[in-house]
């Protein structure tokens, strides 16, 4: 099973991590469907997110 690290960074400096208030946050994604959903959602996010995906297994 493939696993990815998805990192989102706000180009406008707005918080991406609701707990720390950081403008960058990373998560591990365990399914292709979840990855696709998150990447698609980031395209219309009002924080103007820059998303990078790295396959980790």
N, C-alpha and C. Protein backbone atom coordinates (compact mmCIF):
# COMPACT_ATOMS: atom_id res chain seq x y z
N UNK A 1 0.85 -1.18 0.00
CA UNK A 1 0.00 0.00 0.00
C UNK A 1 0.89 1.25 0.00
N UNK A 2 0.59 2.17 -0.86
CA UNK A 2 1.37 3.40 -0.97
C UNK A 2 1.01 4.37 0.16
N UNK A 3 2.00 5.16 0.53
CA UNK A 3 1.82 6.18 1.56
C UNK A 3 2.49 7.46 1.07
N UNK A 4 1.86 8.60 1.33
CA UNK A 4 2.39 9.87 0.90
C UNK A 4 2.47 10.86 2.05
N UNK A 5 3.40 11.80 1.93
CA UNK A 5 3.44 12.94 2.84
C UNK A 5 2.93 14.14 2.04
N UNK A 6 1.88 14.76 2.54
CA UNK A 6 1.31 15.94 1.89
C UNK A 6 1.64 17.14 2.76
N UNK A 7 2.28 18.13 2.16
CA UNK A 7 2.64 19.36 2.87
C UNK A 7 1.91 20.52 2.22
N UNK A 8 1.23 21.30 3.04
CA UNK A 8 0.50 22.47 2.55
C UNK A 8 1.08 23.71 3.21
N UNK A 9 1.36 24.71 2.38
CA UNK A 9 1.89 25.99 2.87
C UNK A 9 1.02 27.11 2.32
N UNK A 10 0.59 28.00 3.18
CA UNK A 10 -0.21 29.14 2.75
C UNK A 10 0.70 30.18 2.12
N UNK A 11 0.41 30.53 0.88
CA UNK A 11 1.20 31.57 0.20
C UNK A 11 0.95 32.95 0.79
N UNK A 12 -0.18 33.10 1.51
CA UNK A 12 -0.52 34.39 2.10
C UNK A 12 -0.15 34.47 3.57
N UNK A 13 0.45 33.40 4.13
CA UNK A 13 0.87 33.41 5.52
C UNK A 13 -0.22 33.09 6.52
N UNK A 14 -1.39 32.73 6.03
CA UNK A 14 -2.49 32.39 6.94
C UNK A 14 -2.22 31.03 7.60
N UNK A 15 -2.75 30.81 8.79
CA UNK A 15 -2.54 29.54 9.48
C UNK A 15 -3.10 28.35 8.70
N UNK A 16 -2.31 27.31 8.60
CA UNK A 16 -2.75 26.04 8.02
C UNK A 16 -2.98 25.03 9.14
N UNK A 17 -2.15 25.09 10.16
CA UNK A 17 -2.28 24.21 11.32
C UNK A 17 -3.12 24.93 12.37
N UNK A 18 -4.31 24.43 12.65
CA UNK A 18 -5.20 25.13 13.58
C UNK A 18 -4.73 25.11 15.04
N UNK A 19 -3.85 24.19 15.38
CA UNK A 19 -3.37 24.09 16.76
C UNK A 19 -2.20 25.03 17.01
N UNK A 20 -1.21 25.02 16.12
CA UNK A 20 -0.02 25.84 16.33
C UNK A 20 -0.11 27.21 15.65
N UNK A 21 -1.01 27.33 14.67
CA UNK A 21 -1.11 28.57 13.92
C UNK A 21 -0.05 28.71 12.84
N UNK A 22 0.71 27.65 12.59
CA UNK A 22 1.77 27.69 11.58
C UNK A 22 1.18 27.79 10.18
N UNK A 23 1.93 28.43 9.30
CA UNK A 23 1.49 28.59 7.92
C UNK A 23 1.82 27.37 7.07
N UNK A 24 2.47 26.37 7.64
CA UNK A 24 2.81 25.12 6.95
C UNK A 24 2.44 23.95 7.84
N UNK A 25 1.93 22.89 7.21
CA UNK A 25 1.61 21.67 7.96
C UNK A 25 1.77 20.48 7.03
N UNK A 26 2.14 19.34 7.60
CA UNK A 26 2.30 18.10 6.84
C UNK A 26 1.47 17.00 7.49
N UNK A 27 0.96 16.11 6.65
CA UNK A 27 0.23 14.95 7.14
C UNK A 27 0.64 13.74 6.32
N UNK A 28 0.41 12.57 6.86
CA UNK A 28 0.62 11.33 6.13
C UNK A 28 -0.72 10.87 5.60
N UNK A 29 -0.74 10.50 4.32
CA UNK A 29 -1.97 10.07 3.66
C UNK A 29 -1.78 8.62 3.22
N UNK A 30 -2.77 7.78 3.52
CA UNK A 30 -2.63 6.35 3.32
C UNK A 30 -3.42 5.77 2.15
N UNK A 31 -4.20 6.59 1.46
CA UNK A 31 -4.93 6.05 0.30
C UNK A 31 -4.91 7.06 -0.85
N UNK A 32 -4.94 6.52 -2.05
CA UNK A 32 -4.95 7.38 -3.24
C UNK A 32 -6.19 8.25 -3.28
N UNK A 33 -7.34 7.69 -2.89
CA UNK A 33 -8.59 8.46 -2.90
C UNK A 33 -8.51 9.64 -1.93
N UNK A 34 -7.97 9.42 -0.74
CA UNK A 34 -7.83 10.49 0.24
C UNK A 34 -6.85 11.55 -0.27
N UNK A 35 -5.76 11.11 -0.86
CA UNK A 35 -4.79 12.06 -1.42
C UNK A 35 -5.43 12.91 -2.50
N UNK A 36 -6.13 12.28 -3.42
CA UNK A 36 -6.80 13.01 -4.51
C UNK A 36 -7.80 14.02 -3.95
N UNK A 37 -8.57 13.62 -2.93
CA UNK A 37 -9.56 14.51 -2.34
C UNK A 37 -8.90 15.73 -1.70
N UNK A 38 -7.80 15.50 -0.99
CA UNK A 38 -7.11 16.60 -0.31
C UNK A 38 -6.45 17.56 -1.30
N UNK A 39 -5.85 17.03 -2.35
CA UNK A 39 -5.22 17.89 -3.36
C UNK A 39 -6.28 18.72 -4.08
N UNK A 40 -7.40 18.12 -4.40
CA UNK A 40 -8.50 18.84 -5.07
C UNK A 40 -9.05 19.94 -4.16
N UNK A 41 -9.22 19.63 -2.88
CA UNK A 41 -9.74 20.62 -1.93
C UNK A 41 -8.78 21.80 -1.78
N UNK A 42 -7.50 21.53 -1.85
CA UNK A 42 -6.50 22.60 -1.69
C UNK A 42 -6.57 23.61 -2.84
N UNK A 43 -7.01 23.17 -4.00
CA UNK A 43 -7.08 24.06 -5.16
C UNK A 43 -8.06 25.22 -4.93
N UNK A 44 -9.10 24.99 -4.15
CA UNK A 44 -10.09 26.04 -3.92
C UNK A 44 -10.03 26.61 -2.50
N UNK A 45 -9.00 26.26 -1.75
CA UNK A 45 -8.87 26.75 -0.38
C UNK A 45 -8.58 28.25 -0.39
N UNK A 46 -9.27 29.04 0.42
CA UNK A 46 -9.07 30.49 0.42
C UNK A 46 -7.71 30.94 0.95
N UNK A 47 -6.94 30.03 1.55
CA UNK A 47 -5.61 30.40 2.05
C UNK A 47 -4.55 30.38 0.96
N UNK A 48 -4.92 30.08 -0.28
CA UNK A 48 -4.00 30.02 -1.42
C UNK A 48 -2.84 29.07 -1.10
N UNK A 49 -3.15 27.78 -1.02
CA UNK A 49 -2.18 26.79 -0.58
C UNK A 49 -1.26 26.32 -1.70
N UNK A 50 0.00 26.17 -1.34
CA UNK A 50 0.99 25.52 -2.18
C UNK A 50 1.13 24.12 -1.60
N UNK A 51 0.80 23.10 -2.38
CA UNK A 51 0.78 21.72 -1.89
C UNK A 51 1.89 20.93 -2.57
N UNK A 52 2.65 20.20 -1.76
CA UNK A 52 3.64 19.26 -2.30
C UNK A 52 3.31 17.87 -1.78
N UNK A 53 3.55 16.88 -2.63
CA UNK A 53 3.27 15.49 -2.28
C UNK A 53 4.55 14.71 -2.50
N UNK A 54 4.90 13.91 -1.49
CA UNK A 54 6.09 13.08 -1.57
C UNK A 54 5.70 11.66 -1.19
N UNK A 55 5.98 10.72 -2.09
CA UNK A 55 5.68 9.32 -1.79
C UNK A 55 6.73 8.81 -0.80
N UNK A 56 6.27 8.23 0.29
CA UNK A 56 7.20 7.74 1.31
C UNK A 56 7.22 6.21 1.40
N UNK A 57 6.32 5.54 0.76
CA UNK A 57 6.39 4.07 0.66
C UNK A 57 5.45 3.58 -0.42
